[in-house]
């Protein structure tokens, strides 16, 4: 079976990897919702990270600790804190919002990514991208406030997660 995977086209491999990742993410989100009554979002994030380290140990043992070396430790540390904080916010939102609402708000991540690319990489954003950004943020506002309801902390948490992941 592994040999058959090696003979597949890159497009097919990519589709299989994406399907597998979607399956794992769906399972993770279901587990987060189930155990969020007994554990805080920070605890769930800690154990998720711990299990991730356990899965990476065989690779780390084989390649050695030097494979984790970076020439930019401050930026690497900032990235780690940002991602960890984003996961805590995302898990908090998952635990307290409807799954559809949390997922729809999470889909604002690419919108923040485009804004960060403009601010940090000086990427040119044409009229079509600006229009797409405006429509995307308008959609997020409709999800957050379909009426004149107060903005909830879980919804803000998911938007903060999207911002941090962006």
N, C-alpha and C. Protein backbone atom coordinates (compact mmCIF):
# COMPACT_ATOMS: atom_id res chain seq x y z
N UNK A 1 0.82 -1.19 0.00
CA UNK A 1 0.00 0.00 0.00
C UNK A 1 0.87 1.26 0.00
N UNK A 2 1.95 1.27 0.78
CA UNK A 2 2.85 2.42 0.80
C UNK A 2 3.52 2.59 -0.56
N UNK A 3 3.86 1.49 -1.21
CA UNK A 3 4.46 1.57 -2.54
C UNK A 3 3.48 2.18 -3.53
N UNK A 4 2.19 1.83 -3.41
CA UNK A 4 1.18 2.40 -4.30
C UNK A 4 1.05 3.91 -4.09
N UNK A 5 1.21 4.36 -2.86
CA UNK A 5 1.15 5.80 -2.57
C UNK A 5 2.30 6.51 -3.27
N UNK A 6 3.47 5.88 -3.30
CA UNK A 6 4.64 6.48 -3.95
C UNK A 6 4.47 6.62 -5.45
N UNK A 7 3.64 5.78 -6.05
CA UNK A 7 3.44 5.82 -7.50
C UNK A 7 2.33 6.76 -7.93
N UNK A 8 1.64 7.37 -6.99
CA UNK A 8 0.53 8.26 -7.33
C UNK A 8 1.04 9.61 -7.81
N UNK A 9 0.19 10.30 -8.54
CA UNK A 9 0.54 11.64 -9.00
C UNK A 9 0.57 12.59 -7.80
N UNK A 10 1.32 13.68 -7.89
CA UNK A 10 1.35 14.65 -6.78
C UNK A 10 -0.04 15.21 -6.44
N UNK A 11 -0.89 15.38 -7.44
CA UNK A 11 -2.24 15.90 -7.19
C UNK A 11 -3.05 14.90 -6.36
N UNK A 12 -2.96 13.63 -6.70
CA UNK A 12 -3.67 12.60 -5.95
C UNK A 12 -3.14 12.49 -4.53
N UNK A 13 -1.82 12.54 -4.38
CA UNK A 13 -1.23 12.52 -3.03
C UNK A 13 -1.72 13.70 -2.21
N UNK A 14 -1.72 14.87 -2.82
CA UNK A 14 -2.18 16.07 -2.11
C UNK A 14 -3.63 15.94 -1.68
N UNK A 15 -4.47 15.41 -2.57
CA UNK A 15 -5.89 15.23 -2.24
C UNK A 15 -6.05 14.24 -1.09
N UNK A 16 -5.26 13.17 -1.09
CA UNK A 16 -5.33 12.19 0.00
C UNK A 16 -4.85 12.79 1.32
N UNK A 17 -3.76 13.57 1.27
CA UNK A 17 -3.26 14.21 2.48
C UNK A 17 -4.30 15.18 3.03
N UNK A 18 -4.93 15.96 2.16
CA UNK A 18 -5.95 16.91 2.60
C UNK A 18 -7.17 16.19 3.19
N UNK A 19 -7.56 15.08 2.57
CA UNK A 19 -8.68 14.31 3.09
C UNK A 19 -8.35 13.75 4.46
N UNK A 20 -7.16 13.21 4.60
CA UNK A 20 -6.73 12.68 5.90
C UNK A 20 -6.66 13.77 6.96
N UNK A 21 -6.12 14.92 6.59
CA UNK A 21 -6.03 16.03 7.54
C UNK A 21 -7.43 16.49 7.96
N UNK A 22 -8.35 16.57 7.00
CA UNK A 22 -9.72 16.98 7.33
C UNK A 22 -10.38 15.98 8.28
N UNK A 23 -10.13 14.72 8.07
CA UNK A 23 -10.67 13.69 8.96
C UNK A 23 -10.11 13.84 10.37
N UNK A 24 -8.79 14.02 10.48
CA UNK A 24 -8.16 14.18 11.79
C UNK A 24 -8.65 15.45 12.48
N UNK A 25 -8.76 16.55 11.74
CA UNK A 25 -9.27 17.80 12.32
C UNK A 25 -10.70 17.62 12.83
N UNK A 26 -11.53 16.95 12.04
CA UNK A 26 -12.91 16.73 12.46
C UNK A 26 -12.98 15.91 13.74
N UNK A 27 -12.17 14.88 13.83
CA UNK A 27 -12.12 14.07 15.05
C UNK A 27 -11.65 14.92 16.22
N UNK A 28 -10.61 15.72 15.99
CA UNK A 28 -10.08 16.58 17.05
C UNK A 28 -11.16 17.55 17.55
N UNK A 29 -11.88 18.17 16.64
CA UNK A 29 -12.90 19.13 17.03
C UNK A 29 -14.02 18.46 17.81
N UNK A 30 -14.39 17.24 17.40
CA UNK A 30 -15.40 16.49 18.14
C UNK A 30 -14.94 16.15 19.55
N UNK A 31 -13.69 15.73 19.67
CA UNK A 31 -13.13 15.41 21.00
C UNK A 31 -13.07 16.66 21.87
N UNK A 32 -12.65 17.78 21.29
CA UNK A 32 -12.58 19.04 22.05
C UNK A 32 -13.96 19.38 22.60
N UNK A 33 -14.99 19.28 21.79
CA UNK A 33 -16.34 19.59 22.25
C UNK A 33 -16.79 18.64 23.35
N UNK A 34 -16.41 17.38 23.24
CA UNK A 34 -16.82 16.38 24.23
C UNK A 34 -16.16 16.62 25.59
N UNK A 35 -14.87 16.92 25.59
CA UNK A 35 -14.15 17.00 26.87
C UNK A 35 -14.08 18.42 27.42
N UNK A 36 -14.63 19.40 26.70
CA UNK A 36 -14.53 20.78 27.16
C UNK A 36 -15.32 21.03 28.45
N UNK A 37 -16.23 20.14 28.80
CA UNK A 37 -16.95 20.29 30.06
C UNK A 37 -16.10 19.95 31.27
N UNK A 38 -15.10 19.08 31.06
CA UNK A 38 -14.25 18.65 32.17
C UNK A 38 -12.89 19.34 32.21
N UNK A 39 -12.45 19.89 31.08
CA UNK A 39 -11.12 20.49 31.00
C UNK A 39 -11.22 21.88 30.38
N UNK A 40 -10.28 22.74 30.77
CA UNK A 40 -10.24 24.08 30.17
C UNK A 40 -9.58 23.99 28.78
N UNK A 41 -9.76 25.04 28.01
CA UNK A 41 -9.16 25.08 26.67
C UNK A 41 -7.64 25.01 26.74
N UNK A 42 -7.05 25.63 27.76
CA UNK A 42 -5.59 25.59 27.90
C UNK A 42 -5.11 24.17 28.20
N UNK A 43 -5.85 23.44 29.03
CA UNK A 43 -5.47 22.05 29.33
C UNK A 43 -5.60 21.17 28.09
N UNK A 44 -6.68 21.34 27.35
CA UNK A 44 -6.88 20.56 26.13
C UNK A 44 -5.76 20.85 25.14
N UNK A 45 -5.37 22.12 25.01
CA UNK A 45 -4.29 22.50 24.11
C UNK A 45 -2.97 21.88 24.56
N UNK A 46 -2.72 21.88 25.87
CA UNK A 46 -1.50 21.27 26.39
C UNK A 46 -1.43 19.79 26.00
N UNK A 47 -2.51 19.05 26.23
CA UNK A 47 -2.49 17.62 25.92
C UNK A 47 -2.43 17.37 24.42
N UNK A 48 -3.05 18.22 23.62
CA UNK A 48 -2.93 18.09 22.16
C UNK A 48 -1.46 18.25 21.75
N UNK A 49 -0.81 19.24 22.34
CA UNK A 49 0.60 19.47 22.03
C UNK A 49 1.46 18.32 22.51
N UNK A 50 1.16 17.80 23.68
CA UNK A 50 1.91 16.66 24.23
C UNK A 50 1.80 15.45 23.31
N UNK A 51 0.58 15.16 22.85
CA UNK A 51 0.41 14.04 21.92
C UNK A 51 1.12 14.30 20.61
N UNK A 52 1.12 15.54 20.16
CA UNK A 52 1.85 15.89 18.93
C UNK A 52 3.34 15.62 19.07
N UNK A 53 3.90 15.97 20.23
CA UNK A 53 5.32 15.70 20.49
C UNK A 53 5.58 14.20 20.48
N UNK A 54 4.67 13.43 21.07
CA UNK A 54 4.83 11.97 21.09
C UNK A 54 4.85 11.39 19.67
N UNK A 55 3.99 11.92 18.78
CA UNK A 55 3.98 11.45 17.40
C UNK A 55 5.24 11.87 16.65
N UNK A 56 5.84 12.97 17.05
CA UNK A 56 7.04 13.46 16.37
C UNK A 56 8.33 12.85 16.90
N UNK A 57 8.26 12.19 18.06
CA UNK A 57 9.48 11.63 18.68
C UNK A 57 10.25 10.68 17.77
N UNK A 58 9.61 9.74 17.07
CA UNK A 58 10.41 8.86 16.19
C UNK A 58 11.22 9.64 15.17
N UNK A 59 10.62 10.66 14.56
CA UNK A 59 11.35 11.49 13.61
C UNK A 59 12.49 12.22 14.30
N UNK A 60 12.22 12.79 15.48
CA UNK A 60 13.23 13.55 16.21
C UNK A 60 14.40 12.65 16.63
N UNK A 61 14.11 11.44 17.05
CA UNK A 61 15.17 10.50 17.44
C UNK A 61 16.02 10.15 16.22
N UNK A 62 15.37 9.94 15.09
CA UNK A 62 16.09 9.56 13.87
C UNK A 62 16.93 10.71 13.32
N UNK A 63 16.37 11.94 13.36
CA UNK A 63 17.08 13.07 12.73
C UNK A 63 17.96 13.84 13.71
N UNK A 64 17.73 13.67 15.00
CA UNK A 64 18.54 14.35 16.00
C UNK A 64 17.99 15.72 16.37
N UNK A 65 18.35 16.18 17.55
CA UNK A 65 17.85 17.45 18.07
C UNK A 65 18.33 18.64 17.24
N UNK A 66 19.44 18.46 16.53
CA UNK A 66 19.96 19.56 15.71
C UNK A 66 19.03 19.91 14.55
N UNK A 67 18.11 19.00 14.20
CA UNK A 67 17.18 19.30 13.12
C UNK A 67 16.18 20.37 13.53
N UNK A 68 16.10 20.68 14.81
CA UNK A 68 15.21 21.73 15.29
C UNK A 68 15.90 23.09 15.41
N UNK A 69 17.19 23.13 15.12
CA UNK A 69 17.96 24.37 15.24
C UNK A 69 17.44 25.40 14.25
N UNK A 70 17.42 26.64 14.71
CA UNK A 70 16.99 27.74 13.86
C UNK A 70 17.95 28.91 14.02
N UNK A 71 18.08 29.68 12.98
CA UNK A 71 18.95 30.86 13.05
C UNK A 71 18.18 32.07 13.57
N UNK A 72 16.86 31.91 13.81
CA UNK A 72 16.03 33.02 14.28
C UNK A 72 15.18 32.56 15.46
N UNK A 73 15.80 32.31 16.61
CA UNK A 73 15.06 31.75 17.75
C UNK A 73 13.97 32.68 18.29
N UNK A 74 14.16 33.98 18.21
CA UNK A 74 13.13 34.90 18.73
C UNK A 74 11.86 34.81 17.88
N UNK A 75 12.03 34.81 16.57
CA UNK A 75 10.87 34.71 15.68
C UNK A 75 10.22 33.34 15.82
N UNK A 76 11.02 32.30 15.97
CA UNK A 76 10.49 30.96 16.17
C UNK A 76 9.69 30.89 17.47
N UNK A 77 10.21 31.48 18.54
CA UNK A 77 9.50 31.51 19.82
C UNK A 77 8.21 32.30 19.73
N UNK A 78 8.25 33.44 19.03
CA UNK A 78 7.04 34.24 18.84
C UNK A 78 5.99 33.46 18.07
N UNK A 79 6.43 32.73 17.05
CA UNK A 79 5.50 31.90 16.27
C UNK A 79 4.89 30.82 17.15
N UNK A 80 5.69 30.19 18.00
CA UNK A 80 5.18 29.13 18.88
C UNK A 80 4.14 29.68 19.85
N UNK A 81 4.41 30.83 20.44
CA UNK A 81 3.46 31.45 21.38
C UNK A 81 2.18 31.86 20.64
N UNK A 82 2.33 32.40 19.44
CA UNK A 82 1.18 32.82 18.65
C UNK A 82 0.29 31.63 18.30
N UNK A 83 0.90 30.55 17.83
CA UNK A 83 0.13 29.36 17.45
C UNK A 83 -0.53 28.74 18.67
N UNK A 84 0.19 28.62 19.77
CA UNK A 84 -0.37 28.04 21.00
C UNK A 84 -1.56 28.88 21.47
N UNK A 85 -1.41 30.20 21.47
CA UNK A 85 -2.50 31.08 21.88
C UNK A 85 -3.70 30.96 20.94
N UNK A 86 -3.42 30.85 19.66
CA UNK A 86 -4.49 30.67 18.68
C UNK A 86 -5.26 29.38 18.91
N UNK A 87 -4.56 28.31 19.23
CA UNK A 87 -5.24 27.03 19.48
C UNK A 87 -6.10 27.13 20.74
N UNK A 88 -5.60 27.78 21.79
CA UNK A 88 -6.40 27.95 23.01
C UNK A 88 -7.68 28.72 22.68
N UNK A 89 -7.55 29.82 21.94
CA UNK A 89 -8.73 30.61 21.56
C UNK A 89 -9.69 29.80 20.70
N UNK A 90 -9.17 29.05 19.76
CA UNK A 90 -9.99 28.23 18.85
C UNK A 90 -10.74 27.17 19.64
N UNK A 91 -10.06 26.49 20.54
CA UNK A 91 -10.71 25.45 21.34
C UNK A 91 -11.78 26.05 22.27
N UNK A 92 -11.52 27.24 22.81
CA UNK A 92 -12.53 27.90 23.64
C UNK A 92 -13.78 28.20 22.81
N UNK A 93 -13.57 28.72 21.62
CA UNK A 93 -14.71 29.00 20.74
C UNK A 93 -15.45 27.74 20.35
N UNK A 94 -14.72 26.67 20.04
CA UNK A 94 -15.35 25.40 19.70
C UNK A 94 -16.22 24.88 20.84
N UNK A 95 -15.74 25.08 22.06
CA UNK A 95 -16.46 24.56 23.22
C UNK A 95 -17.75 25.32 23.50
N UNK A 96 -17.83 26.58 23.08
CA UNK A 96 -18.95 27.42 23.48
C UNK A 96 -19.84 27.93 22.35
N UNK A 97 -19.50 27.65 21.12
CA UNK A 97 -20.32 28.07 19.98
C UNK A 97 -20.85 26.84 19.25
N UNK A 98 -21.86 27.05 18.43
CA UNK A 98 -22.27 25.99 17.52
C UNK A 98 -21.11 25.71 16.58
N UNK A 99 -20.92 24.46 16.23
CA UNK A 99 -19.79 24.08 15.38
C UNK A 99 -19.82 24.82 14.04
N UNK A 100 -21.00 24.98 13.46
CA UNK A 100 -21.11 25.68 12.17
C UNK A 100 -20.69 27.14 12.31
N UNK A 101 -21.12 27.79 13.38
CA UNK A 101 -20.78 29.20 13.59
C UNK A 101 -19.28 29.37 13.84
N UNK A 102 -18.71 28.49 14.67
CA UNK A 102 -17.27 28.56 14.95
C UNK A 102 -16.47 28.34 13.67
N UNK A 103 -16.86 27.37 12.88
CA UNK A 103 -16.13 27.07 11.64
C UNK A 103 -16.26 28.23 10.65
N UNK A 104 -17.44 28.79 10.53
CA UNK A 104 -17.63 29.91 9.61
C UNK A 104 -16.78 31.11 10.02
N UNK A 105 -16.71 31.39 11.31
CA UNK A 105 -15.87 32.50 11.77
C UNK A 105 -14.39 32.18 11.57
N UNK A 106 -14.03 30.93 11.74
CA UNK A 106 -12.64 30.52 11.56
C UNK A 106 -12.19 30.70 10.12
N UNK A 107 -13.13 30.64 9.19
CA UNK A 107 -12.80 30.81 7.78
C UNK A 107 -12.41 32.25 7.44
N UNK A 108 -12.35 33.14 8.43
CA UNK A 108 -11.83 34.48 8.19
C UNK A 108 -10.30 34.50 8.21
N UNK A 109 -9.67 33.38 8.54
CA UNK A 109 -8.20 33.31 8.60
C UNK A 109 -7.54 33.80 7.31
N UNK A 110 -7.99 33.36 6.13
CA UNK A 110 -7.34 33.86 4.90
C UNK A 110 -7.47 35.37 4.73
N UNK A 111 -8.55 35.94 5.24
CA UNK A 111 -8.72 37.39 5.13
C UNK A 111 -7.63 38.11 5.93
N UNK A 112 -7.36 37.61 7.14
CA UNK A 112 -6.30 38.20 7.94
C UNK A 112 -4.93 37.95 7.30
N UNK A 113 -4.77 36.80 6.67
CA UNK A 113 -3.50 36.48 6.01
C UNK A 113 -3.19 37.49 4.92
N UNK A 114 -4.20 37.85 4.13
CA UNK A 114 -3.99 38.83 3.07
C UNK A 114 -3.60 40.19 3.66
N UNK A 115 -4.26 40.58 4.74
CA UNK A 115 -3.91 41.86 5.37
C UNK A 115 -2.50 41.85 5.93
N UNK A 116 -2.09 40.73 6.54
CA UNK A 116 -0.73 40.63 7.05
C UNK A 116 0.30 40.61 5.92
N UNK A 117 -0.05 39.99 4.79
CA UNK A 117 0.86 39.98 3.64
C UNK A 117 1.05 41.40 3.11
N UNK A 118 -0.01 42.18 3.13
CA UNK A 118 0.10 43.58 2.71
C UNK A 118 0.98 44.37 3.68
N UNK A 119 0.76 44.16 4.98
CA UNK A 119 1.48 44.95 5.99
C UNK A 119 2.94 44.54 6.12
N UNK A 120 3.23 43.26 6.05
CA UNK A 120 4.60 42.80 6.32
C UNK A 120 5.42 42.54 5.07
N UNK A 121 4.80 42.03 4.03
CA UNK A 121 5.53 41.69 2.82
C UNK A 121 5.36 42.73 1.71
N UNK A 122 4.56 43.75 2.01
CA UNK A 122 4.28 44.82 1.04
C UNK A 122 3.67 44.27 -0.25
N UNK A 123 2.88 43.19 -0.11
CA UNK A 123 2.24 42.57 -1.27
C UNK A 123 1.16 43.49 -1.82
N UNK A 124 1.07 43.54 -3.14
CA UNK A 124 0.08 44.38 -3.79
C UNK A 124 -1.28 43.69 -3.72
N UNK A 125 -2.28 44.43 -3.25
CA UNK A 125 -3.64 43.89 -3.19
C UNK A 125 -4.48 44.68 -4.18
N UNK A 126 -4.88 44.01 -5.24
CA UNK A 126 -5.66 44.67 -6.28
C UNK A 126 -7.11 44.87 -5.88
N UNK A 127 -7.87 45.52 -6.75
CA UNK A 127 -9.28 45.81 -6.45
C UNK A 127 -10.12 44.55 -6.19
N UNK A 128 -9.84 43.48 -6.90
CA UNK A 128 -10.60 42.24 -6.68
C UNK A 128 -10.36 41.66 -5.30
N UNK A 129 -9.12 41.69 -4.86
CA UNK A 129 -8.81 41.18 -3.51
C UNK A 129 -9.43 42.05 -2.44
N UNK A 130 -9.39 43.38 -2.65
CA UNK A 130 -10.03 44.27 -1.67
C UNK A 130 -11.52 43.99 -1.60
N UNK A 131 -12.13 43.78 -2.77
CA UNK A 131 -13.57 43.47 -2.80
C UNK A 131 -13.85 42.14 -2.08
N UNK A 132 -13.00 41.16 -2.33
CA UNK A 132 -13.17 39.87 -1.67
C UNK A 132 -13.01 40.00 -0.15
N UNK A 133 -12.03 40.80 0.27
CA UNK A 133 -11.83 41.04 1.71
C UNK A 133 -13.07 41.69 2.34
N UNK A 134 -13.60 42.69 1.67
CA UNK A 134 -14.78 43.39 2.20
C UNK A 134 -15.99 42.45 2.29
N UNK A 135 -16.19 41.65 1.25
CA UNK A 135 -17.31 40.70 1.26
C UNK A 135 -17.09 39.65 2.35
N UNK A 136 -15.87 39.18 2.50
CA UNK A 136 -15.56 38.18 3.53
C UNK A 136 -15.79 38.71 4.93
N UNK A 137 -15.32 39.92 5.20
CA UNK A 137 -15.54 40.51 6.52
C UNK A 137 -17.01 40.84 6.75
N UNK A 138 -17.71 41.24 5.71
CA UNK A 138 -19.16 41.49 5.85
C UNK A 138 -19.87 40.18 6.21
N UNK A 139 -19.46 39.09 5.59
CA UNK A 139 -20.03 37.79 5.92
C UNK A 139 -19.76 37.41 7.37
N UNK A 140 -18.56 37.69 7.84
CA UNK A 140 -18.23 37.40 9.24
C UNK A 140 -19.10 38.23 10.17
N UNK A 141 -19.33 39.50 9.82
CA UNK A 141 -20.18 40.34 10.66
C UNK A 141 -21.61 39.84 10.69
N UNK A 142 -22.09 39.32 9.58
CA UNK A 142 -23.44 38.75 9.55
C UNK A 142 -23.52 37.53 10.46
N UNK A 143 -22.49 36.70 10.46
CA UNK A 143 -22.47 35.52 11.32
C UNK A 143 -22.42 35.93 12.79
N UNK A 144 -21.58 36.92 13.08
CA UNK A 144 -21.40 37.36 14.47
C UNK A 144 -22.65 38.05 15.00
N UNK A 145 -23.22 38.94 14.19
CA UNK A 145 -24.34 39.77 14.67
C UNK A 145 -25.47 39.78 13.66
N UNK A 146 -26.24 38.69 13.59
CA UNK A 146 -27.36 38.69 12.64
C UNK A 146 -28.44 39.70 13.02
N UNK A 147 -28.47 40.12 14.25
CA UNK A 147 -29.40 41.15 14.71
C UNK A 147 -28.61 42.17 15.49
N UNK A 148 -29.18 42.67 16.54
CA UNK A 148 -28.47 43.61 17.39
C UNK A 148 -28.10 42.93 18.69
N UNK A 149 -27.57 41.72 18.57
CA UNK A 149 -27.19 40.92 19.73
C UNK A 149 -25.76 41.30 20.14
N UNK A 150 -25.50 41.24 21.43
CA UNK A 150 -24.16 41.57 21.93
C UNK A 150 -23.15 40.54 21.42
N UNK A 151 -21.99 41.00 21.07
CA UNK A 151 -20.91 40.14 20.60
C UNK A 151 -20.45 39.25 21.75
N UNK A 152 -20.44 37.94 21.53
CA UNK A 152 -20.12 37.01 22.61
C UNK A 152 -18.61 36.76 22.71
N UNK A 153 -18.13 36.49 23.92
CA UNK A 153 -16.71 36.16 24.09
C UNK A 153 -16.25 34.96 23.25
N UNK A 154 -17.05 33.88 23.12
CA UNK A 154 -16.59 32.80 22.25
C UNK A 154 -16.41 33.21 20.79
N UNK A 155 -17.30 34.07 20.29
CA UNK A 155 -17.15 34.54 18.90
C UNK A 155 -15.89 35.39 18.76
N UNK A 156 -15.64 36.25 19.74
CA UNK A 156 -14.42 37.06 19.72
C UNK A 156 -13.19 36.14 19.79
N UNK A 157 -13.29 35.10 20.60
CA UNK A 157 -12.17 34.15 20.74
C UNK A 157 -11.84 33.48 19.41
N UNK A 158 -12.87 33.06 18.67
CA UNK A 158 -12.62 32.43 17.36
C UNK A 158 -12.00 33.43 16.40
N UNK A 159 -12.46 34.68 16.43
CA UNK A 159 -11.87 35.70 15.55
C UNK A 159 -10.42 35.98 15.94
N UNK A 160 -10.12 35.99 17.23
CA UNK A 160 -8.73 36.16 17.68
C UNK A 160 -7.88 34.98 17.19
N UNK A 161 -8.45 33.76 17.26
CA UNK A 161 -7.73 32.59 16.76
C UNK A 161 -7.45 32.74 15.27
N UNK A 162 -8.44 33.18 14.50
CA UNK A 162 -8.25 33.37 13.06
C UNK A 162 -7.18 34.42 12.80
N UNK A 163 -7.20 35.49 13.58
CA UNK A 163 -6.19 36.55 13.45
C UNK A 163 -4.79 35.99 13.75
N UNK A 164 -4.67 35.23 14.83
CA UNK A 164 -3.36 34.67 15.21
C UNK A 164 -2.87 33.64 14.18
N UNK A 165 -3.77 32.84 13.63
CA UNK A 165 -3.37 31.87 12.62
C UNK A 165 -3.04 32.55 11.30
N UNK A 166 -3.70 33.68 11.04
CA UNK A 166 -3.44 34.44 9.82
C UNK A 166 -2.01 34.94 9.81
